[in-house]
Amino acid sequence: MDRRTMLTGTTAGLLAGIAGLGAKAAEEAAASHCDECSDCVTSCLACVAACLAELSEGKADRKKCIELCLDCADICDACCKITARGGSMAAAIRALCADACDKCAAECERHKDDPSCQACAQKCRVCAKECRKPL
Protein backbone atom coordinates (compact mmCIF):
# COMPACT_ATOMS: atom_id res chain seq x y z
CA MET A 1 0.00 0.00 0.00
CA ASP A 2 1.51 3.34 -0.98
CA ARG A 3 1.82 6.35 1.32
CA ARG A 4 -1.00 8.32 -0.29
CA THR A 5 -3.42 5.44 0.00
CA MET A 6 -2.50 4.96 3.64
CA LEU A 7 -2.89 8.65 4.44
CA THR A 8 -6.15 9.15 2.60
CA GLY A 9 -7.73 5.78 3.32
CA THR A 10 -7.22 5.85 7.07
CA THR A 11 -8.76 9.28 7.47
CA ALA A 12 -11.86 8.87 5.35
CA GLY A 13 -14.10 8.45 8.36
CA LEU A 14 -12.65 11.48 10.11
CA LEU A 15 -12.99 13.64 7.02
CA ALA A 16 -16.50 12.36 6.43
CA GLY A 17 -17.54 13.55 9.86
CA ILE A 18 -15.86 16.92 9.49
CA ALA A 19 -17.07 17.65 5.98
CA GLY A 20 -20.46 15.97 6.16
CA LEU A 21 -19.50 13.67 3.28
CA GLY A 22 -19.79 9.96 2.91
CA ALA A 23 -16.61 8.05 3.66
CA LYS A 24 -16.03 7.26 -0.02
CA ALA A 25 -16.51 10.90 -1.10
CA ALA A 26 -14.20 12.11 1.69
CA GLU A 27 -11.55 9.61 0.70
CA GLU A 28 -11.80 10.67 -2.96
CA ALA A 29 -11.58 14.37 -2.06
CA ALA A 30 -8.50 13.82 0.11
CA ALA A 31 -6.89 11.60 -2.53
CA SER A 32 -7.51 14.16 -5.27
CA HIS A 33 -6.09 16.91 -3.11
CA CYS A 34 -2.99 14.90 -2.21
CA ASP A 35 -2.46 13.92 -5.84
CA GLU A 36 -2.43 17.57 -6.90
CA CYS A 37 -0.18 18.61 -4.01
CA SER A 38 2.23 15.75 -4.71
CA ASP A 39 2.34 16.58 -8.42
CA CYS A 40 3.06 20.19 -7.52
CA VAL A 41 5.92 19.16 -5.20
CA THR A 42 7.46 17.09 -8.00
CA SER A 43 7.11 19.91 -10.51
CA CYS A 44 8.55 22.50 -8.12
CA LEU A 45 11.58 20.33 -7.38
CA ALA A 46 12.16 19.72 -11.09
CA CYS A 47 12.00 23.47 -11.63
CA VAL A 48 14.53 24.01 -8.84
CA ALA A 49 16.92 21.53 -10.47
CA ALA A 50 16.58 23.27 -13.84
CA CYS A 51 17.03 26.72 -12.30
CA LEU A 52 20.10 25.58 -10.36
CA ALA A 53 21.63 24.27 -13.58
CA GLU A 54 21.00 27.60 -15.30
CA LEU A 55 22.34 29.50 -12.31
CA SER A 56 25.55 27.44 -12.26
CA GLU A 57 26.01 28.03 -15.98
CA GLY A 58 25.63 31.76 -15.46
CA LYS A 59 22.68 31.92 -17.86
CA ALA A 60 20.10 33.41 -15.54
CA ASP A 61 19.53 34.61 -12.03
CA ARG A 62 16.74 32.39 -10.78
CA LYS A 63 17.28 32.77 -7.03
CA LYS A 64 13.74 34.05 -6.42
CA CYS A 65 12.27 31.22 -8.50
CA ILE A 66 14.29 28.64 -6.58
CA GLU A 67 13.26 30.10 -3.22
CA LEU A 68 9.56 30.20 -4.11
CA CYS A 69 9.62 26.70 -5.59
CA LEU A 70 11.26 25.26 -2.46
CA ASP A 71 8.77 27.03 -0.19
CA CYS A 72 5.87 25.91 -2.35
CA ALA A 73 7.07 22.29 -2.38
CA ASP A 74 7.39 22.21 1.41
CA ILE A 75 3.99 23.82 1.95
CA CYS A 76 2.31 21.48 -0.55
CA ASP A 77 3.83 18.48 1.19
CA ALA A 78 2.60 19.65 4.60
CA CYS A 79 -0.80 20.51 3.13
CA CYS A 80 -1.27 17.00 1.77
CA LYS A 81 -0.36 15.41 5.10
CA ILE A 82 -2.54 17.68 7.24
CA THR A 83 -5.53 17.47 4.91
CA ALA A 84 -5.23 13.69 4.56
CA ARG A 85 -5.41 13.17 8.30
CA GLY A 86 -8.19 15.73 8.75
CA GLY A 87 -6.05 17.95 10.95
CA SER A 88 -7.61 20.95 12.65
CA MET A 89 -5.36 23.27 10.63
CA ALA A 90 -6.42 21.80 7.26
CA ALA A 91 -8.39 24.86 6.13
CA ALA A 92 -5.56 27.20 7.11
CA ILE A 93 -2.83 25.17 5.40
CA ARG A 94 -4.97 24.78 2.28
CA ALA A 95 -5.35 28.57 2.07
CA LEU A 96 -1.62 29.02 2.62
CA CYS A 97 -0.87 26.36 0.01
CA ALA A 98 -3.08 28.08 -2.57
CA ASP A 99 -1.30 31.38 -1.87
CA ALA A 100 2.15 29.78 -2.11
CA CYS A 101 1.19 28.10 -5.38
CA ASP A 102 -0.08 31.40 -6.80
CA LYS A 103 3.18 33.18 -5.91
CA CYS A 104 5.32 30.37 -7.30
CA ALA A 105 3.26 30.24 -10.50
CA ALA A 106 3.53 34.00 -10.99
CA GLU A 107 7.32 33.86 -10.70
CA CYS A 108 7.65 30.82 -12.94
CA GLU A 109 5.38 32.35 -15.58
CA ARG A 110 7.87 35.22 -15.91
CA HIS A 111 10.39 32.77 -17.41
CA LYS A 112 8.59 32.12 -20.68
CA ASP A 113 11.66 30.55 -22.31
CA ASP A 114 12.05 27.87 -19.65
CA PRO A 115 9.93 24.71 -20.07
CA SER A 116 10.51 23.61 -16.47
CA CYS A 117 9.27 26.94 -15.16
CA GLN A 118 6.23 26.83 -17.43
CA ALA A 119 5.38 23.28 -16.36
CA CYS A 120 5.78 24.27 -12.73
CA ALA A 121 3.52 27.28 -13.16
CA GLN A 122 0.84 25.09 -14.70
CA LYS A 123 0.99 22.52 -11.88
CA CYS A 124 0.95 25.28 -9.28
CA ARG A 125 -2.20 26.80 -10.80
CA VAL A 126 -3.94 23.41 -10.73
CA CYS A 127 -2.88 22.82 -7.12
CA ALA A 128 -4.04 26.28 -6.03
CA LYS A 129 -7.43 25.62 -7.59
CA GLU A 130 -7.69 22.25 -5.82
CA CYS A 131 -6.73 23.81 -2.47
CA ARG A 132 -9.54 26.33 -2.82
CA LYS A 133 -12.17 23.63 -3.24
CA PRO A 134 -14.18 22.99 -0.10
CA LEU A 135 -13.86 19.57 1.49
C-alpha atoms as a PDB file:
ATOM      1  CA  MET A   1       0.000   0.000   0.000  1.00  0.00           C
ATOM      2  CA  ASP A   2       1.507   3.338  -0.984  1.00  0.00           C
ATOM      3  CA  ARG A   3       1.821   6.348   1.323  1.00  0.00           C
ATOM      4  CA  ARG A   4      -1.000   8.324  -0.293  1.00  0.00           C
ATOM      5  CA  THR A   5      -3.416   5.441   0.003  1.00  0.00           C
ATOM      6  CA  MET A   6      -2.500   4.956   3.639  1.00  0.00           C
ATOM      7  CA  LEU A   7      -2.892   8.646   4.444  1.00  0.00           C
ATOM      8  CA  THR A   8      -6.151   9.146   2.600  1.00  0.00           C
ATOM      9  CA  GLY A   9      -7.728   5.783   3.321  1.00  0.00           C
ATOM     10  CA  THR A  10      -7.220   5.845   7.074  1.00  0.00           C
ATOM     11  CA  THR A  11      -8.760   9.280   7.475  1.00  0.00           C
ATOM     12  CA  ALA A  12     -11.863   8.868   5.346  1.00  0.00           C
ATOM     13  CA  GLY A  13     -14.103   8.445   8.362  1.00  0.00           C
ATOM     14  CA  LEU A  14     -12.655  11.484  10.112  1.00  0.00           C
ATOM     15  CA  LEU A  15     -12.988  13.645   7.021  1.00  0.00           C
ATOM     16  CA  ALA A  16     -16.497  12.363   6.431  1.00  0.00           C
ATOM     17  CA  GLY A  17     -17.540  13.552   9.862  1.00  0.00           C
ATOM     18  CA  ILE A  18     -15.863  16.924   9.489  1.00  0.00           C
ATOM     19  CA  ALA A  19     -17.068  17.647   5.978  1.00  0.00           C
ATOM     20  CA  GLY A  20     -20.457  15.965   6.164  1.00  0.00           C
ATOM     21  CA  LEU A  21     -19.504  13.672   3.278  1.00  0.00           C
ATOM     22  CA  GLY A  22     -19.792   9.956   2.911  1.00  0.00           C
ATOM     23  CA  ALA A  23     -16.606   8.049   3.662  1.00  0.00           C
ATOM     24  CA  LYS A  24     -16.030   7.261  -0.016  1.00  0.00           C
ATOM     25  CA  ALA A  25     -16.506  10.898  -1.097  1.00  0.00           C
ATOM     26  CA  ALA A  26     -14.204  12.108   1.686  1.00  0.00           C
ATOM     27  CA  GLU A  27     -11.548   9.609   0.695  1.00  0.00           C
ATOM     28  CA  GLU A  28     -11.798  10.666  -2.957  1.00  0.00           C
ATOM     29  CA  ALA A  29     -11.578  14.373  -2.061  1.00  0.00           C
ATOM     30  CA  ALA A  30      -8.501  13.817   0.112  1.00  0.00           C
ATOM     31  CA  ALA A  31      -6.889  11.604  -2.529  1.00  0.00           C
ATOM     32  CA  SER A  32      -7.507  14.162  -5.275  1.00  0.00           C
ATOM     33  CA  HIS A  33      -6.086  16.906  -3.106  1.00  0.00           C
ATOM     34  CA  CYS A  34      -2.993  14.896  -2.209  1.00  0.00           C
ATOM     35  CA  ASP A  35      -2.458  13.918  -5.844  1.00  0.00           C
ATOM     36  CA  GLU A  36      -2.427  17.572  -6.902  1.00  0.00           C
ATOM     37  CA  CYS A  37      -0.184  18.613  -4.011  1.00  0.00           C
ATOM     38  CA  SER A  38       2.233  15.754  -4.708  1.00  0.00           C
ATOM     39  CA  ASP A  39       2.340  16.577  -8.419  1.00  0.00           C
ATOM     40  CA  CYS A  40       3.061  20.193  -7.522  1.00  0.00           C
ATOM     41  CA  VAL A  41       5.915  19.158  -5.199  1.00  0.00           C
ATOM     42  CA  THR A  42       7.465  17.089  -8.003  1.00  0.00           C
ATOM     43  CA  SER A  43       7.110  19.907 -10.510  1.00  0.00           C
ATOM     44  CA  CYS A  44       8.549  22.497  -8.117  1.00  0.00           C
ATOM     45  CA  LEU A  45      11.579  20.328  -7.380  1.00  0.00           C
ATOM     46  CA  ALA A  46      12.163  19.716 -11.088  1.00  0.00           C
ATOM     47  CA  CYS A  47      12.002  23.470 -11.634  1.00  0.00           C
ATOM     48  CA  VAL A  48      14.530  24.011  -8.838  1.00  0.00           C
ATOM     49  CA  ALA A  49      16.916  21.535 -10.470  1.00  0.00           C
ATOM     50  CA  ALA A  50      16.584  23.268 -13.844  1.00  0.00           C
ATOM     51  CA  CYS A  51      17.034  26.716 -12.303  1.00  0.00           C
ATOM     52  CA  LEU A  52      20.096  25.584 -10.360  1.00  0.00           C
ATOM     53  CA  ALA A  53      21.628  24.268 -13.581  1.00  0.00           C
ATOM     54  CA  GLU A  54      21.004  27.602 -15.296  1.00  0.00           C
ATOM     55  CA  LEU A  55      22.342  29.499 -12.309  1.00  0.00           C
ATOM     56  CA  SER A  56      25.547  27.435 -12.257  1.00  0.00           C
ATOM     57  CA  GLU A  57      26.006  28.028 -15.983  1.00  0.00           C
ATOM     58  CA  GLY A  58      25.632  31.764 -15.461  1.00  0.00           C
ATOM     59  CA  LYS A  59      22.676  31.917 -17.860  1.00  0.00           C
ATOM     60  CA  ALA A  60      20.101  33.414 -15.545  1.00  0.00           C
ATOM     61  CA  ASP A  61      19.526  34.605 -12.028  1.00  0.00           C
ATOM     62  CA  ARG A  62      16.741  32.393 -10.781  1.00  0.00           C
ATOM     63  CA  LYS A  63      17.276  32.767  -7.028  1.00  0.00           C
ATOM     64  CA  LYS A  64      13.745  34.047  -6.423  1.00  0.00           C
ATOM     65  CA  CYS A  65      12.266  31.224  -8.500  1.00  0.00           C
ATOM     66  CA  ILE A  66      14.289  28.643  -6.580  1.00  0.00           C
ATOM     67  CA  GLU A  67      13.257  30.102  -3.224  1.00  0.00           C
ATOM     68  CA  LEU A  68       9.560  30.203  -4.107  1.00  0.00           C
ATOM     69  CA  CYS A  69       9.617  26.697  -5.585  1.00  0.00           C
ATOM     70  CA  LEU A  70      11.260  25.261  -2.462  1.00  0.00           C
ATOM     71  CA  ASP A  71       8.769  27.034  -0.187  1.00  0.00           C
ATOM     72  CA  CYS A  72       5.868  25.908  -2.352  1.00  0.00           C
ATOM     73  CA  ALA A  73       7.066  22.291  -2.380  1.00  0.00           C
ATOM     74  CA  ASP A  74       7.391  22.209   1.411  1.00  0.00           C
ATOM     75  CA  ILE A  75       3.991  23.816   1.954  1.00  0.00           C
ATOM     76  CA  CYS A  76       2.307  21.482  -0.554  1.00  0.00           C
ATOM     77  CA  ASP A  77       3.829  18.476   1.194  1.00  0.00           C
ATOM     78  CA  ALA A  78       2.597  19.646   4.600  1.00  0.00           C
ATOM     79  CA  CYS A  79      -0.798  20.508   3.133  1.00  0.00           C
ATOM     80  CA  CYS A  80      -1.268  17.000   1.772  1.00  0.00           C
ATOM     81  CA  LYS A  81      -0.360  15.408   5.095  1.00  0.00           C
ATOM     82  CA  ILE A  82      -2.536  17.676   7.240  1.00  0.00           C
ATOM     83  CA  THR A  83      -5.529  17.470   4.908  1.00  0.00           C
ATOM     84  CA  ALA A  84      -5.234  13.686   4.561  1.00  0.00           C
ATOM     85  CA  ARG A  85      -5.406  13.173   8.302  1.00  0.00           C
ATOM     86  CA  GLY A  86      -8.185  15.729   8.749  1.00  0.00           C
ATOM     87  CA  GLY A  87      -6.053  17.953  10.946  1.00  0.00           C
ATOM     88  CA  SER A  88      -7.609  20.948  12.647  1.00  0.00           C
ATOM     89  CA  MET A  89      -5.365  23.270  10.627  1.00  0.00           C
ATOM     90  CA  ALA A  90      -6.424  21.799   7.262  1.00  0.00           C
ATOM     91  CA  ALA A  91      -8.391  24.862   6.131  1.00  0.00           C
ATOM     92  CA  ALA A  92      -5.561  27.204   7.109  1.00  0.00           C
ATOM     93  CA  ILE A  93      -2.829  25.172   5.405  1.00  0.00           C
ATOM     94  CA  ARG A  94      -4.967  24.779   2.280  1.00  0.00           C
ATOM     95  CA  ALA A  95      -5.353  28.572   2.073  1.00  0.00           C
ATOM     96  CA  LEU A  96      -1.616  29.022   2.618  1.00  0.00           C
ATOM     97  CA  CYS A  97      -0.871  26.359   0.006  1.00  0.00           C
ATOM     98  CA  ALA A  98      -3.079  28.084  -2.569  1.00  0.00           C
ATOM     99  CA  ASP A  99      -1.297  31.382  -1.870  1.00  0.00           C
ATOM    100  CA  ALA A 100       2.154  29.779  -2.108  1.00  0.00           C
ATOM    101  CA  CYS A 101       1.194  28.101  -5.379  1.00  0.00           C
ATOM    102  CA  ASP A 102      -0.078  31.402  -6.798  1.00  0.00           C
ATOM    103  CA  LYS A 103       3.178  33.177  -5.911  1.00  0.00           C
ATOM    104  CA  CYS A 104       5.317  30.372  -7.297  1.00  0.00           C
ATOM    105  CA  ALA A 105       3.262  30.239 -10.504  1.00  0.00           C
ATOM    106  CA  ALA A 106       3.526  34.004 -10.995  1.00  0.00           C
ATOM    107  CA  GLU A 107       7.317  33.862 -10.697  1.00  0.00           C
ATOM    108  CA  CYS A 108       7.653  30.821 -12.940  1.00  0.00           C
ATOM    109  CA  GLU A 109       5.377  32.355 -15.581  1.00  0.00           C
ATOM    110  CA  ARG A 110       7.868  35.221 -15.911  1.00  0.00           C
ATOM    111  CA  HIS A 111      10.388  32.769 -17.405  1.00  0.00           C
ATOM    112  CA  LYS A 112       8.588  32.120 -20.677  1.00  0.00           C
ATOM    113  CA  ASP A 113      11.658  30.551 -22.314  1.00  0.00           C
ATOM    114  CA  ASP A 114      12.053  27.868 -19.651  1.00  0.00           C
ATOM    115  CA  PRO A 115       9.927  24.712 -20.075  1.00  0.00           C
ATOM    116  CA  SER A 116      10.515  23.607 -16.468  1.00  0.00           C
ATOM    117  CA  CYS A 117       9.265  26.935 -15.160  1.00  0.00           C
ATOM    118  CA  GLN A 118       6.232  26.827 -17.435  1.00  0.00           C
ATOM    119  CA  ALA A 119       5.377  23.277 -16.363  1.00  0.00           C
ATOM    120  CA  CYS A 120       5.782  24.273 -12.731  1.00  0.00           C
ATOM    121  CA  ALA A 121       3.522  27.285 -13.162  1.00  0.00           C
ATOM    122  CA  GLN A 122       0.837  25.091 -14.700  1.00  0.00           C
ATOM    123  CA  LYS A 123       0.990  22.518 -11.880  1.00  0.00           C
ATOM    124  CA  CYS A 124       0.952  25.283  -9.277  1.00  0.00           C
ATOM    125  CA  ARG A 125      -2.205  26.803 -10.796  1.00  0.00           C
ATOM    126  CA  VAL A 126      -3.944  23.412 -10.729  1.00  0.00           C
ATOM    127  CA  CYS A 127      -2.879  22.815  -7.124  1.00  0.00           C
ATOM    128  CA  ALA A 128      -4.043  26.275  -6.030  1.00  0.00           C
ATOM    129  CA  LYS A 129      -7.434  25.623  -7.593  1.00  0.00           C
ATOM    130  CA  GLU A 130      -7.686  22.249  -5.818  1.00  0.00           C
ATOM    131  CA  CYS A 131      -6.731  23.810  -2.474  1.00  0.00           C
ATOM    132  CA  ARG A 132      -9.538  26.330  -2.819  1.00  0.00           C
ATOM    133  CA  LYS A 133     -12.168  23.627  -3.238  1.00  0.00           C
ATOM    134  CA  PRO A 134     -14.182  22.992  -0.100  1.00  0.00           C
ATOM    135  CA  LEU A 135     -13.857  19.571   1.489  1.00  0.00           C
END
